[in-house]
PDB file of N, CA and C in Angstrom:
ATOM      1  N   MET A   1     -29.551  61.607  24.250  1.00  0.00           N
ATOM      2  CA  MET A   1     -29.933  60.660  23.228  1.00  0.00           C
ATOM      3  C   MET A   1     -29.674  59.214  23.773  1.00  0.00           C
ATOM      4  N   ASN A   2     -30.602  58.449  23.492  1.00  0.00           N
ATOM      5  CA  ASN A   2     -30.582  57.093  23.927  1.00  0.00           C
ATOM      6  C   ASN A   2     -30.265  56.215  22.714  1.00  0.00           C
ATOM      7  N   LYS A   3     -29.071  55.714  22.693  1.00  0.00           N
ATOM      8  CA  LYS A   3     -28.691  54.850  21.557  1.00  0.00           C
ATOM      9  C   LYS A   3     -28.937  53.398  21.910  1.00  0.00           C
ATOM     10  N   LYS A   4     -29.605  52.721  21.047  1.00  0.00           N
ATOM     11  CA  LYS A   4     -29.887  51.315  21.229  1.00  0.00           C
ATOM     12  C   LYS A   4     -28.778  50.554  20.474  1.00  0.00           C
ATOM     13  N   LYS A   5     -28.294  49.548  21.143  1.00  0.00           N
ATOM     14  CA  LYS A   5     -27.340  48.704  20.459  1.00  0.00           C
ATOM     15  C   LYS A   5     -28.100  47.765  19.512  1.00  0.00           C
ATOM     16  N   THR A   6     -27.749  47.810  18.304  1.00  0.00           N
ATOM     17  CA  THR A   6     -28.418  46.923  17.382  1.00  0.00           C
ATOM     18  C   THR A   6     -27.584  45.704  17.172  1.00  0.00           C
ATOM     19  N   ARG A   7     -28.233  44.567  17.297  1.00  0.00           N
ATOM     20  CA  ARG A   7     -27.527  43.287  17.153  1.00  0.00           C
ATOM     21  C   ARG A   7     -27.725  42.779  15.746  1.00  0.00           C
ATOM     22  N   LEU A   8     -26.705  42.270  15.222  1.00  0.00           N
ATOM     23  CA  LEU A   8     -26.770  41.648  13.894  1.00  0.00           C
ATOM     24  C   LEU A   8     -27.396  40.304  14.044  1.00  0.00           C
ATOM     25  N   LYS A   9     -28.486  40.094  13.334  1.00  0.00           N
ATOM     26  CA  LYS A   9     -29.188  38.814  13.453  1.00  0.00           C
ATOM     27  C   LYS A   9     -28.844  37.951  12.237  1.00  0.00           C
ATOM     28  N   PHE A  10     -28.567  36.681  12.545  1.00  0.00           N
ATOM     29  CA  PHE A  10     -28.253  35.722  11.478  1.00  0.00           C
ATOM     30  C   PHE A  10     -29.530  34.996  11.133  1.00  0.00           C
ATOM     31  N   LEU A  11     -29.668  34.707   9.906  1.00  0.00           N
ATOM     32  CA  LEU A  11     -30.754  33.799   9.500  1.00  0.00           C
ATOM     33  C   LEU A  11     -30.345  32.400   9.779  1.00  0.00           C
ATOM     34  N   LYS A  12     -31.309  31.479   9.801  1.00  0.00           N
ATOM     35  CA  LYS A  12     -31.049  30.096  10.115  1.00  0.00           C
ATOM     36  C   LYS A  12     -30.071  29.463   9.117  1.00  0.00           C
ATOM     37  N   GLY A  13     -30.235  29.747   7.916  1.00  0.00           N
ATOM     38  CA  GLY A  13     -29.339  29.187   6.858  1.00  0.00           C
ATOM     39  C   GLY A  13     -27.913  29.758   6.958  1.00  0.00           C
ATOM     40  N   GLU A  14     -27.813  31.003   7.364  1.00  0.00           N
ATOM     41  CA  GLU A  14     -26.497  31.643   7.502  1.00  0.00           C
ATOM     42  C   GLU A  14     -25.658  30.973   8.635  1.00  0.00           C
ATOM     43  N   LYS A  15     -26.353  30.670   9.739  1.00  0.00           N
ATOM     44  CA  LYS A  15     -25.587  29.996  10.808  1.00  0.00           C
ATOM     45  C   LYS A  15     -25.060  28.637  10.339  1.00  0.00           C
ATOM     46  N   LEU A  16     -25.910  27.912   9.623  1.00  0.00           N
ATOM     47  CA  LEU A  16     -25.479  26.614   9.084  1.00  0.00           C
ATOM     48  C   LEU A  16     -24.328  26.766   8.116  1.00  0.00           C
ATOM     49  N   MET A  17     -24.380  27.749   7.244  1.00  0.00           N
ATOM     50  CA  MET A  17     -23.339  27.961   6.295  1.00  0.00           C
ATOM     51  C   MET A  17     -22.026  28.329   6.977  1.00  0.00           C
ATOM     52  N   TYR A  18     -22.077  29.163   8.006  1.00  0.00           N
ATOM     53  CA  TYR A  18     -20.849  29.595   8.742  1.00  0.00           C
ATOM     54  C   TYR A  18     -20.246  28.386   9.483  1.00  0.00           C
ATOM     55  N   VAL A  19     -21.094  27.541  10.082  1.00  0.00           N
ATOM     56  CA  VAL A  19     -20.646  26.371  10.778  1.00  0.00           C
ATOM     57  C   VAL A  19     -19.978  25.412   9.784  1.00  0.00           C
ATOM     58  N   LEU A  20     -20.614  25.158   8.692  1.00  0.00           N
ATOM     59  CA  LEU A  20     -20.062  24.245   7.672  1.00  0.00           C
ATOM     60  C   LEU A  20     -18.746  24.753   7.099  1.00  0.00           C
ATOM     61  N   THR A  21     -18.700  26.053   6.817  1.00  0.00           N
ATOM     62  CA  THR A  21     -17.483  26.641   6.318  1.00  0.00           C
ATOM     63  C   THR A  21     -16.366  26.501   7.316  1.00  0.00           C
ATOM     64  N   LEU A  22     -16.652  26.738   8.548  1.00  0.00           N
ATOM     65  CA  LEU A  22     -15.615  26.580   9.626  1.00  0.00           C
ATOM     66  C   LEU A  22     -15.160  25.119   9.715  1.00  0.00           C
ATOM     67  N   LEU A  23     -16.114  24.196   9.655  1.00  0.00           N
ATOM     68  CA  LEU A  23     -15.753  22.775   9.701  1.00  0.00           C
ATOM     69  C   LEU A  23     -14.856  22.387   8.498  1.00  0.00           C
ATOM     70  N   LEU A  24     -15.192  22.888   7.338  1.00  0.00           N
ATOM     71  CA  LEU A  24     -14.382  22.609   6.152  1.00  0.00           C
ATOM     72  C   LEU A  24     -13.012  23.174   6.271  1.00  0.00           C
ATOM     73  N   LEU A  25     -12.908  24.414   6.766  1.00  0.00           N
ATOM     74  CA  LEU A  25     -11.618  25.062   6.936  1.00  0.00           C
ATOM     75  C   LEU A  25     -10.724  24.298   7.913  1.00  0.00           C
ATOM     76  N   ILE A  26     -11.325  23.628   8.866  1.00  0.00           N
ATOM     77  CA  ILE A  26     -10.570  22.858   9.811  1.00  0.00           C
ATOM     78  C   ILE A  26     -10.282  21.440   9.299  1.00  0.00           C
ATOM     79  N   SER A  27     -11.270  20.830   8.696  1.00  0.00           N
ATOM     80  CA  SER A  27     -11.157  19.405   8.322  1.00  0.00           C
ATOM     81  C   SER A  27     -10.292  19.189   7.097  1.00  0.00           C
ATOM     82  N   ILE A  28     -10.239  20.079   6.173  1.00  0.00           N
ATOM     83  CA  ILE A  28      -9.454  19.855   4.942  1.00  0.00           C
ATOM     84  C   ILE A  28      -7.943  19.760   5.265  1.00  0.00           C
ATOM     85  N   PRO A  29      -7.390  20.687   6.007  1.00  0.00           N
ATOM     86  CA  PRO A  29      -5.959  20.549   6.328  1.00  0.00           C
ATOM     87  C   PRO A  29      -5.642  19.247   7.198  1.00  0.00           C
ATOM     88  N   VAL A  30      -6.574  18.947   8.089  1.00  0.00           N
ATOM     89  CA  VAL A  30      -6.359  17.760   8.914  1.00  0.00           C
ATOM     90  C   VAL A  30      -6.368  16.497   8.080  1.00  0.00           C
ATOM     91  N   ALA A  31      -7.356  16.429   7.135  1.00  0.00           N
ATOM     92  CA  ALA A  31      -7.433  15.316   6.227  1.00  0.00           C
ATOM     93  C   ALA A  31      -6.229  15.230   5.330  1.00  0.00           C
ATOM     94  N   ASN A  32      -5.708  16.351   4.881  1.00  0.00           N
ATOM     95  CA  ASN A  32      -4.527  16.439   4.051  1.00  0.00           C
ATOM     96  C   ASN A  32      -3.310  15.830   4.782  1.00  0.00           C
ATOM     97  N   ILE A  33      -3.164  16.251   6.018  1.00  0.00           N
ATOM     98  CA  ILE A  33      -2.010  15.773   6.816  1.00  0.00           C
ATOM     99  C   ILE A  33      -2.170  14.267   7.040  1.00  0.00           C
ATOM    100  N   PHE A  34      -3.372  13.801   7.374  1.00  0.00           N
ATOM    101  CA  PHE A  34      -3.589  12.420   7.601  1.00  0.00           C
ATOM    102  C   PHE A  34      -3.296  11.586   6.369  1.00  0.00           C
ATOM    103  N   THR A  35      -3.724  12.036   5.213  1.00  0.00           N
ATOM    104  CA  THR A  35      -3.452  11.220   4.017  1.00  0.00           C
ATOM    105  C   THR A  35      -1.975  11.215   3.659  1.00  0.00           C
ATOM    106  N   LYS A  36      -1.278  12.290   3.877  1.00  0.00           N
ATOM    107  CA  LYS A  36       0.147  12.339   3.619  1.00  0.00           C
ATOM    108  C   LYS A  36       0.877  11.414   4.579  1.00  0.00           C
ATOM    109  N   ALA A  37       0.452  11.347   5.833  1.00  0.00           N
ATOM    110  CA  ALA A  37       1.114  10.445   6.811  1.00  0.00           C
ATOM    111  C   ALA A  37       0.822   8.990   6.402  1.00  0.00           C
ATOM    112  N   LEU A  38      -0.378   8.721   5.975  1.00  0.00           N
ATOM    113  CA  LEU A  38      -0.744   7.366   5.557  1.00  0.00           C
ATOM    114  C   LEU A  38       0.071   6.973   4.318  1.00  0.00           C
ATOM    115  N   LEU A  39       0.238   7.869   3.366  1.00  0.00           N
ATOM    116  CA  LEU A  39       1.043   7.615   2.180  1.00  0.00           C
ATOM    117  C   LEU A  39       2.484   7.326   2.563  1.00  0.00           C
ATOM    118  N   SER A  40       3.037   8.146   3.464  1.00  0.00           N
ATOM    119  CA  SER A  40       4.381   7.941   3.891  1.00  0.00           C
ATOM    120  C   SER A  40       4.594   6.603   4.604  1.00  0.00           C
ATOM    121  N   LYS A  41       3.630   6.198   5.394  1.00  0.00           N
ATOM    122  CA  LYS A  41       3.724   4.879   6.085  1.00  0.00           C
ATOM    123  C   LYS A  41       3.675   3.761   5.046  1.00  0.00           C
ATOM    124  N   THR A  42       2.815   3.909   4.061  1.00  0.00           N
ATOM    125  CA  THR A  42       2.682   2.862   2.990  1.00  0.00           C
ATOM    126  C   THR A  42       3.971   2.790   2.211  1.00  0.00           C
ATOM    127  N   THR A  43       4.574   3.941   1.919  1.00  0.00           N
ATOM    128  CA  THR A  43       5.827   3.924   1.137  1.00  0.00           C
ATOM    129  C   THR A  43       6.947   3.238   1.928  1.00  0.00           C
ATOM    130  N   ILE A  44       6.994   3.495   3.234  1.00  0.00           N
ATOM    131  CA  ILE A  44       8.010   2.837   4.047  1.00  0.00           C
ATOM    132  C   ILE A  44       7.798   1.366   4.080  1.00  0.00           C
ATOM    133  N   GLU A  45       6.576   0.926   4.240  1.00  0.00           N
ATOM    134  CA  GLU A  45       6.269  -0.527   4.237  1.00  0.00           C
ATOM    135  C   GLU A  45       6.638  -1.149   2.886  1.00  0.00           C
ATOM    136  N   THR A  46       6.350  -0.481   1.794  1.00  0.00           N
ATOM    137  CA  THR A  46       6.685  -0.932   0.490  1.00  0.00           C
ATOM    138  C   THR A  46       8.184  -1.124   0.322  1.00  0.00           C
ATOM    139  N   GLU A  47       8.997  -0.122   0.780  1.00  0.00           N
ATOM    140  CA  GLU A  47      10.434  -0.211   0.694  1.00  0.00           C
ATOM    141  C   GLU A  47      10.946  -1.400   1.518  1.00  0.00           C
ATOM    142  N   LYS A  48      10.381  -1.655   2.714  1.00  0.00           N
ATOM    143  CA  LYS A  48      10.785  -2.780   3.523  1.00  0.00           C
ATOM    144  C   LYS A  48      10.502  -4.120   2.823  1.00  0.00           C
ATOM    145  N   LEU A  49       9.348  -4.221   2.176  1.00  0.00           N
ATOM    146  CA  LEU A  49       8.962  -5.432   1.448  1.00  0.00           C
ATOM    147  C   LEU A  49       9.916  -5.613   0.241  1.00  0.00           C
ATOM    148  N   GLN A  50      10.221  -4.535  -0.449  1.00  0.00           N
ATOM    149  CA  GLN A  50      11.115  -4.669  -1.610  1.00  0.00           C
ATOM    150  C   GLN A  50      12.531  -5.154  -1.158  1.00  0.00           C
ATOM    151  N   ASN A  51      13.007  -4.643  -0.049  1.00  0.00           N
ATOM    152  CA  ASN A  51      14.299  -5.100   0.523  1.00  0.00           C
ATOM    153  C   ASN A  51      14.207  -6.560   0.890  1.00  0.00           C
ATOM    154  N   LYS A  52      13.106  -6.951   1.514  1.00  0.00           N
ATOM    155  CA  LYS A  52      12.968  -8.342   1.899  1.00  0.00           C
ATOM    156  C   LYS A  52      12.919  -9.240   0.650  1.00  0.00           C
ATOM    157  N   ILE A  53      12.232  -8.819  -0.361  1.00  0.00           N
ATOM    158  CA  ILE A  53      12.122  -9.595  -1.653  1.00  0.00           C
ATOM    159  C   ILE A  53      13.527  -9.691  -2.272  1.00  0.00           C
ATOM    160  N   ALA A  54      14.295  -8.634  -2.268  1.00  0.00           N
ATOM    161  CA  ALA A  54      15.658  -8.645  -2.870  1.00  0.00           C
ATOM    162  C   ALA A  54      16.559  -9.614  -2.076  1.00  0.00           C
ATOM    163  N   LYS A  55      16.460  -9.637  -0.731  1.00  0.00           N
ATOM    164  CA  LYS A  55      17.271 -10.554   0.027  1.00  0.00           C
ATOM    165  C   LYS A  55      16.874 -12.024  -0.269  1.00  0.00           C
ATOM    166  N   GLN A  56      15.561 -12.228  -0.368  1.00  0.00           N
ATOM    167  CA  GLN A  56      15.106 -13.615  -0.664  1.00  0.00           C
ATOM    168  C   GLN A  56      15.518 -14.049  -2.040  1.00  0.00           C
ATOM    169  N   GLU A  57      15.528 -13.161  -3.003  1.00  0.00           N
ATOM    170  CA  GLU A  57      15.944 -13.505  -4.338  1.00  0.00           C
ATOM    171  C   GLU A  57      17.439 -13.845  -4.344  1.00  0.00           C
ATOM    172  N   ASP A  58      18.245 -13.128  -3.533  1.00  0.00           N
ATOM    173  CA  ASP A  58      19.685 -13.492  -3.408  1.00  0.00           C
ATOM    174  C   ASP A  58      19.824 -14.865  -2.820  1.00  0.00           C
ATOM    175  N   ILE A  59      19.060 -15.150  -1.746  1.00  0.00           N
ATOM    176  CA  ILE A  59      19.126 -16.473  -1.153  1.00  0.00           C
ATOM    177  C   ILE A  59      18.717 -17.573  -2.133  1.00  0.00           C
ATOM    178  N   ASN A  60      17.654 -17.314  -2.892  1.00  0.00           N
ATOM    179  CA  ASN A  60      17.200 -18.270  -3.886  1.00  0.00           C
ATOM    180  C   ASN A  60      18.235 -18.525  -4.942  1.00  0.00           C
ATOM    181  N   GLU A  61      18.917 -17.482  -5.391  1.00  0.00           N
ATOM    182  CA  GLU A  61      19.942 -17.598  -6.427  1.00  0.00           C
ATOM    183  C   GLU A  61      21.119 -18.445  -5.898  1.00  0.00           C
ATOM    184  N   GLY A  62      21.478 -18.209  -4.626  1.00  0.00           N
ATOM    185  CA  GLY A  62      22.500 -19.012  -4.013  1.00  0.00           C
ATOM    186  C   GLY A  62      22.124 -20.483  -3.900  1.00  0.00           C
ATOM    187  N   LEU A  63      20.891 -20.754  -3.562  1.00  0.00           N
ATOM    188  CA  LEU A  63      20.424 -22.138  -3.461  1.00  0.00           C
ATOM    189  C   LEU A  63      20.381 -22.791  -4.856  1.00  0.00           C
ATOM    190  N   VAL A  64      19.989 -22.087  -5.885  1.00  0.00           N
ATOM    191  CA  VAL A  64      19.989 -22.603  -7.246  1.00  0.00           C
ATOM    192  C   VAL A  64      21.437 -23.001  -7.634  1.00  0.00           C
ATOM    193  N   MET A  65      22.414 -22.131  -7.304  1.00  0.00           N
ATOM    194  CA  MET A  65      23.789 -22.391  -7.649  1.00  0.00           C
ATOM    195  C   MET A  65      24.286 -23.685  -6.874  1.00  0.00           C
ATOM    196  N   GLN A  66      23.878 -23.780  -5.601  1.00  0.00           N
ATOM    197  CA  GLN A  66      24.279 -24.975  -4.820  1.00  0.00           C
ATOM    198  C   GLN A  66      23.680 -26.199  -5.454  1.00  0.00           C
ATOM    199  N   LYS A  67      22.385 -26.144  -5.818  1.00  0.00           N
ATOM    200  CA  LYS A  67      21.762 -27.244  -6.455  1.00  0.00           C
ATOM    201  C   LYS A  67      22.452 -27.665  -7.721  1.00  0.00           C
ATOM    202  N   ASP A  68      22.788 -26.675  -8.577  1.00  0.00           N
ATOM    203  CA  ASP A  68      23.451 -26.947  -9.836  1.00  0.00           C
ATOM    204  C   ASP A  68      24.853 -27.628  -9.562  1.00  0.00           C
ATOM    205  N   GLU A  69      25.518 -27.192  -8.514  1.00  0.00           N
ATOM    206  CA  GLU A  69      26.800 -27.750  -8.177  1.00  0.00           C
ATOM    207  C   GLU A  69      26.638 -29.233  -7.716  1.00  0.00           C
ATOM    208  N   LEU A  70      25.610 -29.445  -6.932  1.00  0.00           N
ATOM    209  CA  LEU A  70      25.411 -30.835  -6.403  1.00  0.00           C
ATOM    210  C   LEU A  70      25.001 -31.827  -7.515  1.00  0.00           C
ATOM    211  N   VAL A  71      24.295 -31.367  -8.548  1.00  0.00           N
ATOM    212  CA  VAL A  71      23.863 -32.282  -9.571  1.00  0.00           C
ATOM    213  C   VAL A  71      24.816 -32.285 -10.740  1.00  0.00           C
ATOM    214  N   SER A  72      25.966 -31.712 -10.609  1.00  0.00           N
ATOM    215  CA  SER A  72      26.945 -31.776 -11.715  1.00  0.00           C
ATOM    216  C   SER A  72      27.463 -33.151 -11.880  1.00  0.00           C
ATOM    217  N   MET A  73      27.861 -33.483 -13.130  1.00  0.00           N
ATOM    218  CA  MET A  73      28.345 -34.810 -13.466  1.00  0.00           C
ATOM    219  C   MET A  73      29.531 -35.225 -12.624  1.00  0.00           C
ATOM    220  N   GLU A  74      30.463 -34.254 -12.434  1.00  0.00           N
ATOM    221  CA  GLU A  74      31.625 -34.529 -11.622  1.00  0.00           C
ATOM    222  C   GLU A  74      31.279 -34.976 -10.194  1.00  0.00           C
ATOM    223  N   ASN A  75      30.310 -34.282  -9.611  1.00  0.00           N
ATOM    224  CA  ASN A  75      29.894 -34.651  -8.263  1.00  0.00           C
ATOM    225  C   ASN A  75      29.196 -35.988  -8.253  1.00  0.00           C
ATOM    226  N   ILE A  76      28.365 -36.237  -9.229  1.00  0.00           N
ATOM    227  CA  ILE A  76      27.651 -37.501  -9.272  1.00  0.00           C
ATOM    228  C   ILE A  76      28.643 -38.652  -9.399  1.00  0.00           C
ATOM    229  N   GLN A  77      29.628 -38.500 -10.304  1.00  0.00           N
ATOM    230  CA  GLN A  77      30.624 -39.545 -10.502  1.00  0.00           C
ATOM    231  C   GLN A  77      31.496 -39.749  -9.231  1.00  0.00           C
ATOM    232  N   LYS A  78      31.795 -38.692  -8.539  1.00  0.00           N
ATOM    233  CA  LYS A  78      32.621 -38.771  -7.311  1.00  0.00           C
ATOM    234  C   LYS A  78      31.827 -39.536  -6.231  1.00  0.00           C
ATOM    235  N   ILE A  79      30.570 -39.209  -6.048  1.00  0.00           N
ATOM    236  CA  ILE A  79      29.735 -39.898  -5.058  1.00  0.00           C
ATOM    237  C   ILE A  79      29.506 -41.362  -5.428  1.00  0.00           C
ATOM    238  N   ALA A  80      29.323 -41.600  -6.742  1.00  0.00           N
ATOM    239  CA  ALA A  80      29.148 -42.979  -7.196  1.00  0.00           C
ATOM    240  C   ALA A  80      30.394 -43.808  -6.940  1.00  0.00           C
ATOM    241  N   GLU A  81      31.553 -43.247  -7.137  1.00  0.00           N
ATOM    242  CA  GLU A  81      32.796 -43.972  -6.866  1.00  0.00           C
ATOM    243  C   GLU A  81      32.966 -44.177  -5.362  1.00  0.00           C
ATOM    244  N   GLU A  82      32.555 -43.242  -4.516  1.00  0.00           N
ATOM    245  CA  GLU A  82      32.661 -43.442  -3.118  1.00  0.00           C
ATOM    246  C   GLU A  82      31.844 -44.608  -2.608  1.00  0.00           C
ATOM    247  N   TYR A  83      30.695 -44.835  -3.263  1.00  0.00           N
ATOM    248  CA  TYR A  83      29.797 -45.946  -2.831  1.00  0.00           C
ATOM    249  C   TYR A  83      30.032 -47.212  -3.693  1.00  0.00           C
ATOM    250  N   GLY A  84      31.062 -47.184  -4.532  1.00  0.00           N
ATOM    251  CA  GLY A  84      31.362 -48.360  -5.325  1.00  0.00           C
ATOM    252  C   GLY A  84      30.374 -48.589  -6.458  1.00  0.00           C
ATOM    253  N   LEU A  85      29.772 -47.590  -6.946  1.00  0.00           N
ATOM    254  CA  LEU A  85      28.825 -47.731  -8.069  1.00  0.00           C
ATOM    255  C   LEU A  85      29.508 -47.376  -9.373  1.00  0.00           C
ATOM    256  N   SER A  86      28.986 -47.896 -10.433  1.00  0.00           N
ATOM    257  CA  SER A  86      29.544 -47.618 -11.742  1.00  0.00           C
ATOM    258  C   SER A  86      28.647 -46.632 -12.496  1.00  0.00           C
ATOM    259  N   TYR A  87      29.249 -45.965 -13.447  1.00  0.00           N
ATOM    260  CA  TYR A  87      28.570 -44.946 -14.249  1.00  0.00           C
ATOM    261  C   TYR A  87      28.072 -45.532 -15.556  1.00  0.00           C
ATOM    262  N   ARG A  88      26.786 -45.534 -15.762  1.00  0.00           N
ATOM    263  CA  ARG A  88      26.221 -45.928 -17.049  1.00  0.00           C
ATOM    264  C   ARG A  88      25.280 -44.828 -17.511  1.00  0.00           C
ATOM    265  N   SER A  89      25.600 -44.214 -18.589  1.00  0.00           N
ATOM    266  CA  SER A  89      24.841 -43.022 -19.100  1.00  0.00           C
ATOM    267  C   SER A  89      23.395 -43.370 -19.437  1.00  0.00           C
ATOM    268  N   ASP A  90      23.119 -44.628 -19.828  1.00  0.00           N
ATOM    269  CA  ASP A  90      21.731 -44.962 -20.193  1.00  0.00           C
ATOM    270  C   ASP A  90      20.838 -45.111 -18.980  1.00  0.00           C
ATOM    271  N   ASN A  91      21.409 -45.238 -17.768  1.00  0.00           N
ATOM    272  CA  ASN A  91      20.617 -45.292 -16.579  1.00  0.00           C
ATOM    273  C   ASN A  91      20.255 -43.960 -15.975  1.00  0.00           C
ATOM    274  N   ILE A  92      20.914 -42.904 -16.423  1.00  0.00           N
ATOM    275  CA  ILE A  92      20.734 -41.570 -15.795  1.00  0.00           C
ATOM    276  C   ILE A  92      19.576 -40.885 -16.411  1.00  0.00           C
ATOM    277  N   VAL A  93      18.681 -40.441 -15.525  1.00  0.00           N
ATOM    278  CA  VAL A  93      17.523 -39.675 -15.997  1.00  0.00           C
ATOM    279  C   VAL A  93      17.554 -38.310 -15.337  1.00  0.00           C
ATOM    280  N   LYS A  94      17.511 -37.276 -16.139  1.00  0.00           N
ATOM    281  CA  LYS A  94      17.543 -35.949 -15.590  1.00  0.00           C
ATOM    282  C   LYS A  94      16.094 -35.483 -15.404  1.00  0.00           C
ATOM    283  N   VAL A  95      15.816 -35.042 -14.141  1.00  0.00           N
ATOM    284  CA  VAL A  95      14.483 -34.574 -13.861  1.00  0.00           C
ATOM    285  C   VAL A  95      14.451 -33.063 -14.067  1.00  0.00           C
ATOM    286  N   PRO A  96      13.519 -32.569 -14.820  1.00  0.00           N
ATOM    287  CA  PRO A  96      13.493 -31.108 -15.090  1.00  0.00           C
ATOM    288  C   PRO A  96      13.134 -30.377 -13.782  1.00  0.00           C
ATOM    289  N   TYR A  97      13.754 -29.243 -13.611  1.00  0.00           N
ATOM    290  CA  TYR A  97      13.492 -28.405 -12.463  1.00  0.00           C
ATOM    291  C   TYR A  97      12.536 -27.315 -12.807  1.00  0.00           C
ATOM    292  N   ASP A  98      11.419 -27.230 -12.162  1.00  0.00           N
ATOM    293  CA  ASP A  98      10.436 -26.213 -12.382  1.00  0.00           C
ATOM    294  C   ASP A  98      10.575 -25.143 -11.346  1.00  0.00           C
ATOM    295  N   SER A  99      11.142 -23.972 -11.704  1.00  0.00           N
ATOM    296  CA  SER A  99      11.435 -22.912 -10.718  1.00  0.00           C
ATOM    297  C   SER A  99      10.177 -22.176 -10.304  1.00  0.00           C
ATOM    298  N   GLU A 100       9.044 -22.382 -10.906  1.00  0.00           N
ATOM    299  CA  GLU A 100       7.810 -21.697 -10.544  1.00  0.00           C
ATOM    300  C   GLU A 100       7.106 -22.344  -9.348  1.00  0.00           C
ATOM    301  N   ASN A 101       7.437 -23.569  -9.027  1.00  0.00           N
ATOM    302  CA  ASN A 101       6.803 -24.318  -7.910  1.00  0.00           C
ATOM    303  C   ASN A 101       7.595 -24.219  -6.683  1.00  0.00           C
TER     304      ASN A 101
END
């Protein structure tokens, strides 16, 4: 008996479906890993920026305290006395401080 090997023939559409399915099975996990890595990187950058903002806010708070100390009446009177100036309350004009600028 002569047995012929029968080959399974794929239709044109079947080959395309198998290739697309294989590509999807490979690309979905790769894309998932890529997006998780990107999210992790973004989270790390956000944390660094938040730390930087917190440090700058501390510096700003310290500078505001220094400014308040320098413009205190006691300091103004002391400096005025050092330079031989007299204190007249009607001559003093307080300039408002705008913290948003």
